[in-house]
Amino acid sequence: MSQKDDFELQDFLPFLLNQAAEESSLAFQRVYKDRYGMLRTEWRVLFHLGTYGCMTAKEIGERATIHKTKISRAVQKLSEKRFVTRRRDERDRRSEHLELTPAGEAAYKDLRAVAEDYDQKLSAQFTLGEVALLRMMLRRLARMD
């Protein structure tokens, strides 16, 4: 006969954060997948280039905390879709400068509008103060190693 464990998985913060992240991203995930055939890493790379302009894969990886092999695959897929151009760095031949093409810019603007609307719908579940507090706490947790 086993004794009931008193650990409450439903209250375990990493579990709750994971569940919230999965649930809150599903509808947006369907949009970028259905419209552009993108996976999560691809849209994250696209959004970094749309937001910050020309970047290297290393810079994206550092800013987005994505492993370099995942970024490499995403860049390859975005290049195949003609959303990203790659220009070899003349000083460091191992590095490429990545930029959105006009088609990539259009996809970014389209998805950015959807993301802004989606963010507003998620935020509408809370008061303005709760949204500000939630964003602050999540940013603080995101900086953890």
N, C-alpha and C. Protein backbone atom coordinates (compact mmCIF):
# COMPACT_ATOMS: atom_id res chain seq x y z
N MET A 1 0.85 -1.18 0.00
CA MET A 1 0.00 0.00 0.00
C MET A 1 0.89 1.24 0.00
N SER A 2 0.69 2.12 -0.96
CA SER A 2 1.52 3.32 -1.04
C SER A 2 0.82 4.50 -0.38
N GLN A 3 1.64 5.33 0.23
CA GLN A 3 1.11 6.51 0.90
C GLN A 3 1.01 7.64 -0.12
N LYS A 4 -0.03 8.46 -0.01
CA LYS A 4 -0.20 9.58 -0.93
C LYS A 4 0.90 10.60 -0.71
N ASP A 5 1.52 11.00 -1.80
CA ASP A 5 2.57 12.02 -1.75
C ASP A 5 1.88 13.38 -1.60
N ASP A 6 2.37 14.24 -0.73
CA ASP A 6 1.72 15.54 -0.51
C ASP A 6 2.27 16.64 -1.43
N PHE A 7 3.13 16.26 -2.38
CA PHE A 7 3.64 17.23 -3.35
C PHE A 7 2.51 17.59 -4.31
N GLU A 8 2.23 18.88 -4.46
CA GLU A 8 1.14 19.34 -5.32
C GLU A 8 1.70 19.80 -6.67
N LEU A 9 1.69 18.91 -7.62
CA LEU A 9 2.20 19.23 -8.95
C LEU A 9 1.49 20.44 -9.55
N GLN A 10 0.18 20.55 -9.32
CA GLN A 10 -0.60 21.64 -9.87
C GLN A 10 -0.17 23.01 -9.33
N ASP A 11 0.55 23.02 -8.22
CA ASP A 11 1.04 24.28 -7.63
C ASP A 11 2.54 24.48 -7.83
N PHE A 12 3.21 23.52 -8.46
CA PHE A 12 4.65 23.60 -8.71
C PHE A 12 4.88 24.67 -9.78
N LEU A 13 5.59 25.72 -9.43
CA LEU A 13 5.74 26.88 -10.30
C LEU A 13 6.25 26.54 -11.71
N PRO A 14 7.31 25.73 -11.87
CA PRO A 14 7.73 25.39 -13.24
C PRO A 14 6.63 24.69 -14.04
N PHE A 15 5.87 23.84 -13.39
CA PHE A 15 4.76 23.16 -14.06
C PHE A 15 3.70 24.18 -14.49
N LEU A 16 3.33 25.08 -13.59
CA LEU A 16 2.34 26.11 -13.91
C LEU A 16 2.80 27.01 -15.05
N LEU A 17 4.07 27.42 -15.01
CA LEU A 17 4.61 28.27 -16.07
C LEU A 17 4.58 27.56 -17.41
N ASN A 18 4.95 26.29 -17.41
CA ASN A 18 4.93 25.51 -18.65
C ASN A 18 3.51 25.37 -19.17
N GLN A 19 2.57 25.05 -18.31
CA GLN A 19 1.17 24.90 -18.72
C GLN A 19 0.63 26.23 -19.27
N ALA A 20 0.94 27.32 -18.59
CA ALA A 20 0.47 28.63 -19.05
C ALA A 20 1.08 29.00 -20.39
N ALA A 21 2.38 28.71 -20.55
CA ALA A 21 3.05 29.02 -21.82
C ALA A 21 2.44 28.22 -22.96
N GLU A 22 2.24 26.94 -22.74
CA GLU A 22 1.65 26.09 -23.78
C GLU A 22 0.25 26.56 -24.15
N GLU A 23 -0.58 26.75 -23.15
CA GLU A 23 -1.97 27.14 -23.39
C GLU A 23 -2.06 28.51 -24.06
N SER A 24 -1.26 29.45 -23.60
CA SER A 24 -1.36 30.81 -24.13
C SER A 24 -0.77 30.96 -25.52
N SER A 25 0.07 30.02 -25.94
CA SER A 25 0.70 30.17 -27.25
C SER A 25 0.03 29.37 -28.35
N LEU A 26 -0.89 28.47 -28.02
CA LEU A 26 -1.47 27.58 -29.02
C LEU A 26 -2.15 28.30 -30.18
N ALA A 27 -3.00 29.25 -29.90
CA ALA A 27 -3.74 29.93 -30.97
C ALA A 27 -2.79 30.72 -31.87
N PHE A 28 -1.81 31.40 -31.28
CA PHE A 28 -0.85 32.16 -32.09
C PHE A 28 0.01 31.20 -32.91
N GLN A 29 0.37 30.07 -32.33
CA GLN A 29 1.16 29.07 -33.02
C GLN A 29 0.44 28.58 -34.28
N ARG A 30 -0.86 28.39 -34.19
CA ARG A 30 -1.64 27.96 -35.37
C ARG A 30 -1.56 28.98 -36.49
N VAL A 31 -1.55 30.27 -36.14
CA VAL A 31 -1.51 31.32 -37.16
C VAL A 31 -0.22 31.26 -37.95
N TYR A 32 0.93 31.29 -37.28
CA TYR A 32 2.18 31.30 -38.04
C TYR A 32 2.44 29.97 -38.74
N LYS A 33 1.90 28.90 -38.19
CA LYS A 33 2.06 27.60 -38.85
C LYS A 33 1.16 27.50 -40.08
N ASP A 34 -0.10 27.89 -39.93
CA ASP A 34 -1.05 27.78 -41.05
C ASP A 34 -0.76 28.78 -42.17
N ARG A 35 -0.44 30.01 -41.80
CA ARG A 35 -0.20 31.04 -42.83
C ARG A 35 1.14 30.90 -43.53
N TYR A 36 2.17 30.52 -42.78
CA TYR A 36 3.53 30.57 -43.32
C TYR A 36 4.31 29.26 -43.19
N GLY A 37 3.68 28.23 -42.64
CA GLY A 37 4.36 26.95 -42.49
C GLY A 37 5.56 27.02 -41.56
N MET A 38 5.53 27.92 -40.61
CA MET A 38 6.67 28.12 -39.71
C MET A 38 6.53 27.31 -38.43
N LEU A 39 7.68 26.95 -37.90
CA LEU A 39 7.77 26.37 -36.57
C LEU A 39 8.14 27.49 -35.59
N ARG A 40 8.10 27.18 -34.30
CA ARG A 40 8.32 28.20 -33.27
C ARG A 40 9.66 28.92 -33.42
N THR A 41 10.74 28.19 -33.64
CA THR A 41 12.05 28.84 -33.75
C THR A 41 12.10 29.75 -34.97
N GLU A 42 11.45 29.36 -36.05
CA GLU A 42 11.43 30.20 -37.25
C GLU A 42 10.75 31.53 -36.98
N TRP A 43 9.59 31.51 -36.32
CA TRP A 43 8.92 32.79 -36.07
C TRP A 43 9.71 33.63 -35.08
N ARG A 44 10.41 32.98 -34.14
CA ARG A 44 11.23 33.75 -33.19
C ARG A 44 12.39 34.43 -33.91
N VAL A 45 13.02 33.73 -34.85
CA VAL A 45 14.09 34.34 -35.64
C VAL A 45 13.53 35.48 -36.48
N LEU A 46 12.41 35.23 -37.15
CA LEU A 46 11.76 36.25 -37.97
C LEU A 46 11.45 37.50 -37.15
N PHE A 47 10.91 37.30 -35.94
CA PHE A 47 10.56 38.44 -35.09
C PHE A 47 11.78 39.19 -34.60
N HIS A 48 12.86 38.50 -34.34
CA HIS A 48 14.07 39.21 -33.93
C HIS A 48 14.61 40.06 -35.08
N LEU A 49 14.60 39.53 -36.27
CA LEU A 49 15.08 40.32 -37.41
C LEU A 49 14.12 41.46 -37.72
N GLY A 50 12.83 41.22 -37.58
CA GLY A 50 11.85 42.28 -37.81
C GLY A 50 11.94 43.39 -36.78
N THR A 51 12.23 43.02 -35.56
CA THR A 51 12.30 43.99 -34.47
C THR A 51 13.62 44.74 -34.43
N TYR A 52 14.73 44.01 -34.62
CA TYR A 52 16.05 44.60 -34.41
C TYR A 52 16.83 44.85 -35.69
N GLY A 53 16.33 44.39 -36.83
CA GLY A 53 17.05 44.58 -38.09
C GLY A 53 18.14 43.54 -38.27
N CYS A 54 19.14 43.87 -39.06
CA CYS A 54 20.22 42.95 -39.40
C CYS A 54 20.91 42.42 -38.14
N MET A 55 21.01 41.09 -38.07
CA MET A 55 21.66 40.44 -36.92
C MET A 55 22.39 39.20 -37.42
N THR A 56 23.31 38.71 -36.61
CA THR A 56 23.93 37.41 -36.88
C THR A 56 23.15 36.35 -36.11
N ALA A 57 23.33 35.11 -36.48
CA ALA A 57 22.69 34.01 -35.77
C ALA A 57 23.13 34.00 -34.30
N LYS A 58 24.40 34.29 -34.07
CA LYS A 58 24.92 34.33 -32.71
C LYS A 58 24.20 35.40 -31.88
N GLU A 59 24.00 36.57 -32.47
CA GLU A 59 23.30 37.65 -31.76
C GLU A 59 21.86 37.24 -31.44
N ILE A 60 21.20 36.59 -32.39
CA ILE A 60 19.82 36.13 -32.14
C ILE A 60 19.82 35.11 -31.02
N GLY A 61 20.76 34.17 -31.07
CA GLY A 61 20.85 33.14 -30.04
C GLY A 61 21.05 33.71 -28.65
N GLU A 62 21.91 34.71 -28.55
CA GLU A 62 22.17 35.34 -27.26
C GLU A 62 20.95 36.11 -26.76
N ARG A 63 20.29 36.81 -27.65
CA ARG A 63 19.14 37.62 -27.26
C ARG A 63 17.92 36.75 -26.96
N ALA A 64 17.73 35.68 -27.74
CA ALA A 64 16.53 34.85 -27.60
C ALA A 64 16.75 33.57 -26.81
N THR A 65 17.97 33.33 -26.39
CA THR A 65 18.36 32.09 -25.72
C THR A 65 17.86 30.85 -26.48
N ILE A 66 18.28 30.78 -27.74
CA ILE A 66 18.00 29.63 -28.59
C ILE A 66 19.34 29.03 -28.98
N HIS A 67 19.43 27.71 -28.96
CA HIS A 67 20.68 27.03 -29.32
C HIS A 67 21.01 27.28 -30.78
N LYS A 68 22.31 27.39 -31.07
CA LYS A 68 22.78 27.75 -32.42
C LYS A 68 22.34 26.77 -33.50
N THR A 69 22.22 25.49 -33.17
CA THR A 69 21.78 24.54 -34.21
C THR A 69 20.31 24.76 -34.57
N LYS A 70 19.50 25.11 -33.60
CA LYS A 70 18.09 25.41 -33.88
C LYS A 70 17.97 26.67 -34.73
N ILE A 71 18.79 27.67 -34.42
CA ILE A 71 18.78 28.89 -35.21
C ILE A 71 19.22 28.60 -36.63
N SER A 72 20.25 27.82 -36.78
CA SER A 72 20.77 27.47 -38.10
C SER A 72 19.69 26.81 -38.95
N ARG A 73 18.96 25.85 -38.36
CA ARG A 73 17.86 25.19 -39.09
C ARG A 73 16.75 26.18 -39.44
N ALA A 74 16.42 27.05 -38.51
CA ALA A 74 15.36 28.04 -38.75
C ALA A 74 15.77 29.01 -39.86
N VAL A 75 17.02 29.47 -39.84
CA VAL A 75 17.52 30.37 -40.88
C VAL A 75 17.47 29.69 -42.24
N GLN A 76 17.84 28.42 -42.27
CA GLN A 76 17.80 27.67 -43.53
C GLN A 76 16.36 27.62 -44.07
N LYS A 77 15.41 27.30 -43.21
CA LYS A 77 13.99 27.23 -43.63
C LYS A 77 13.49 28.60 -44.07
N LEU A 78 13.84 29.66 -43.32
CA LEU A 78 13.39 31.00 -43.69
C LEU A 78 14.03 31.44 -45.00
N SER A 79 15.26 31.01 -45.25
CA SER A 79 15.92 31.31 -46.53
C SER A 79 15.22 30.60 -47.67
N GLU A 80 14.86 29.34 -47.46
CA GLU A 80 14.13 28.58 -48.48
C GLU A 80 12.79 29.21 -48.81
N LYS A 81 12.16 29.82 -47.82
CA LYS A 81 10.88 30.51 -48.03
C LYS A 81 11.08 31.91 -48.59
N ARG A 82 12.33 32.29 -48.76
CA ARG A 82 12.71 33.61 -49.26
C ARG A 82 12.27 34.75 -48.32
N PHE A 83 12.34 34.46 -47.02
CA PHE A 83 12.03 35.46 -46.00
C PHE A 83 13.28 36.13 -45.45
N VAL A 84 14.44 35.48 -45.65
CA VAL A 84 15.69 35.96 -45.06
C VAL A 84 16.80 35.91 -46.09
N THR A 85 17.64 36.95 -46.09
CA THR A 85 18.87 36.91 -46.89
C THR A 85 20.03 36.70 -45.95
N ARG A 86 21.07 36.07 -46.48
CA ARG A 86 22.28 35.77 -45.70
C ARG A 86 23.47 36.39 -46.43
N ARG A 87 24.22 37.20 -45.70
CA ARG A 87 25.41 37.83 -46.29
C ARG A 87 26.61 37.53 -45.41
N ARG A 88 27.59 36.87 -46.00
CA ARG A 88 28.81 36.47 -45.27
C ARG A 88 29.53 37.71 -44.75
N ASP A 89 29.99 37.62 -43.51
CA ASP A 89 30.77 38.70 -42.90
C ASP A 89 32.18 38.64 -43.49
N GLU A 90 32.64 39.74 -44.06
CA GLU A 90 33.96 39.77 -44.70
C GLU A 90 35.10 39.62 -43.70
N ARG A 91 34.91 40.09 -42.47
CA ARG A 91 35.96 39.98 -41.45
C ARG A 91 35.97 38.61 -40.78
N ASP A 92 34.80 37.99 -40.64
CA ASP A 92 34.71 36.69 -39.99
C ASP A 92 33.88 35.78 -40.90
N ARG A 93 34.53 35.02 -41.73
CA ARG A 93 33.86 34.21 -42.76
C ARG A 93 32.93 33.15 -42.17
N ARG A 94 33.03 32.88 -40.86
CA ARG A 94 32.15 31.91 -40.21
C ARG A 94 30.78 32.50 -39.90
N SER A 95 30.69 33.81 -39.95
CA SER A 95 29.47 34.52 -39.54
C SER A 95 28.72 35.07 -40.74
N GLU A 96 27.40 35.10 -40.61
CA GLU A 96 26.55 35.68 -41.66
C GLU A 96 25.67 36.77 -41.04
N HIS A 97 25.45 37.80 -41.84
CA HIS A 97 24.50 38.85 -41.45
C HIS A 97 23.16 38.47 -42.07
N LEU A 98 22.14 38.44 -41.23
CA LEU A 98 20.80 38.03 -41.65
C LEU A 98 19.88 39.23 -41.69
N GLU A 99 19.08 39.31 -42.75
CA GLU A 99 18.11 40.39 -42.88
C GLU A 99 16.85 39.85 -43.50
N LEU A 100 15.73 40.50 -43.19
CA LEU A 100 14.47 40.11 -43.82
C LEU A 100 14.42 40.61 -45.26
N THR A 101 13.87 39.79 -46.13
CA THR A 101 13.58 40.21 -47.50
C THR A 101 12.26 40.97 -47.47
N PRO A 102 11.83 41.57 -48.58
CA PRO A 102 10.50 42.20 -48.59
C PRO A 102 9.39 41.20 -48.20
N ALA A 103 9.50 39.95 -48.67
CA ALA A 103 8.49 38.95 -48.30
C ALA A 103 8.57 38.64 -46.80
N GLY A 104 9.77 38.58 -46.26
CA GLY A 104 9.95 38.36 -44.82
C GLY A 104 9.41 39.52 -44.01
N GLU A 105 9.65 40.72 -44.50
CA GLU A 105 9.13 41.93 -43.83
C GLU A 105 7.60 41.92 -43.82
N ALA A 106 6.99 41.52 -44.94
CA ALA A 106 5.53 41.45 -45.02
C ALA A 106 4.98 40.40 -44.05
N ALA A 107 5.64 39.23 -43.99
CA ALA A 107 5.21 38.18 -43.06
C ALA A 107 5.35 38.66 -41.62
N TYR A 108 6.46 39.33 -41.33
CA TYR A 108 6.68 39.85 -39.98
C TYR A 108 5.58 40.86 -39.61
N LYS A 109 5.28 41.79 -40.50
CA LYS A 109 4.26 42.80 -40.20
C LYS A 109 2.89 42.16 -40.01
N ASP A 110 2.58 41.17 -40.82
CA ASP A 110 1.31 40.46 -40.69
C ASP A 110 1.24 39.76 -39.33
N LEU A 111 2.27 39.00 -39.00
CA LEU A 111 2.28 38.26 -37.75
C LEU A 111 2.40 39.18 -36.54
N ARG A 112 3.08 40.29 -36.69
CA ARG A 112 3.18 41.26 -35.58
C ARG A 112 1.80 41.81 -35.24
N ALA A 113 1.00 42.11 -36.26
CA ALA A 113 -0.36 42.60 -36.02
C ALA A 113 -1.20 41.54 -35.30
N VAL A 114 -1.07 40.30 -35.73
CA VAL A 114 -1.77 39.20 -35.06
C VAL A 114 -1.29 39.06 -33.62
N ALA A 115 0.03 39.15 -33.42
CA ALA A 115 0.61 39.02 -32.08
C ALA A 115 0.12 40.13 -31.15
N GLU A 116 0.05 41.35 -31.66
CA GLU A 116 -0.41 42.47 -30.84
C GLU A 116 -1.87 42.27 -30.44
N ASP A 117 -2.70 41.83 -31.37
CA ASP A 117 -4.11 41.57 -31.08
C ASP A 117 -4.24 40.43 -30.08
N TYR A 118 -3.45 39.38 -30.28
CA TYR A 118 -3.49 38.22 -29.39
C TYR A 118 -3.05 38.61 -27.98
N ASP A 119 -2.01 39.42 -27.89
CA ASP A 119 -1.51 39.88 -26.60
C ASP A 119 -2.60 40.68 -25.87
N GLN A 120 -3.31 41.51 -26.61
CA GLN A 120 -4.40 42.30 -26.00
C GLN A 120 -5.50 41.39 -25.47
N LYS A 121 -5.83 40.34 -26.22
CA LYS A 121 -6.88 39.42 -25.77
C LYS A 121 -6.45 38.67 -24.53
N LEU A 122 -5.19 38.23 -24.47
CA LEU A 122 -4.69 37.56 -23.27
C LEU A 122 -4.70 38.53 -22.08
N SER A 123 -4.26 39.73 -22.32
CA SER A 123 -4.16 40.74 -21.25
C SER A 123 -5.53 41.16 -20.73
N ALA A 124 -6.55 41.04 -21.55
CA ALA A 124 -7.90 41.47 -21.16
C ALA A 124 -8.47 40.62 -20.00
N GLN A 125 -7.85 39.50 -19.71
CA GLN A 125 -8.30 38.65 -18.61
C GLN A 125 -7.91 39.23 -17.25
N PHE A 126 -7.04 40.24 -17.27
CA PHE A 126 -6.48 40.80 -16.05
C PHE A 126 -6.68 42.31 -16.00
N THR A 127 -6.51 42.89 -14.82
CA THR A 127 -6.51 44.35 -14.72
C THR A 127 -5.18 44.86 -15.27
N LEU A 128 -5.09 46.16 -15.54
CA LEU A 128 -3.84 46.74 -16.02
C LEU A 128 -2.71 46.51 -15.02
N GLY A 129 -3.01 46.64 -13.74
CA GLY A 129 -2.00 46.41 -12.70
C GLY A 129 -1.53 44.97 -12.68
N GLU A 130 -2.46 44.03 -12.84
CA GLU A 130 -2.08 42.62 -12.87
C GLU A 130 -1.21 42.30 -14.08
N VAL A 131 -1.54 42.89 -15.23
CA VAL A 131 -0.74 42.66 -16.44
C VAL A 131 0.67 43.19 -16.23
N ALA A 132 0.78 44.40 -15.68
CA ALA A 132 2.11 44.98 -15.44
C ALA A 132 2.90 44.12 -14.46
N LEU A 133 2.26 43.64 -13.40
CA LEU A 133 2.93 42.80 -12.41
C LEU A 133 3.34 41.46 -13.03
N LEU A 134 2.46 40.86 -13.80
CA LEU A 134 2.76 39.58 -14.46
C LEU A 134 3.95 39.73 -15.40
N ARG A 135 3.95 40.77 -16.22
CA ARG A 135 5.08 40.99 -17.14
C ARG A 135 6.39 41.19 -16.36
N MET A 136 6.34 41.95 -15.28
CA MET A 136 7.53 42.20 -14.48
C MET A 136 8.06 40.89 -13.88
N MET A 137 7.17 40.09 -13.34
CA MET A 137 7.60 38.83 -12.70
C MET A 137 8.13 37.85 -13.74
N LEU A 138 7.51 37.77 -14.90
CA LEU A 138 7.98 36.86 -15.94
C LEU A 138 9.33 37.30 -16.48
N ARG A 139 9.54 38.61 -16.64
CA ARG A 139 10.85 39.11 -17.07
C ARG A 139 11.92 38.74 -16.05
N ARG A 140 11.59 38.86 -14.78
CA ARG A 140 12.54 38.53 -13.73
C ARG A 140 12.90 37.03 -13.78
N LEU A 141 11.90 36.19 -13.94
CA LEU A 141 12.16 34.75 -14.05
C LEU A 141 12.93 34.40 -15.31
N ALA A 142 12.67 35.09 -16.38
CA ALA A 142 13.34 34.79 -17.66
C ALA A 142 14.85 35.06 -17.59
N ARG A 143 15.27 35.91 -16.69
CA ARG A 143 16.70 36.22 -16.54
C ARG A 143 17.42 35.15 -15.72
N MET A 144 16.69 34.21 -15.15
CA MET A 144 17.31 33.16 -14.34
C MET A 144 18.07 32.20 -15.24
N ASP A 145 19.19 31.68 -14.75
CA ASP A 145 19.98 30.70 -15.50
C ASP A 145 19.46 29.30 -15.31
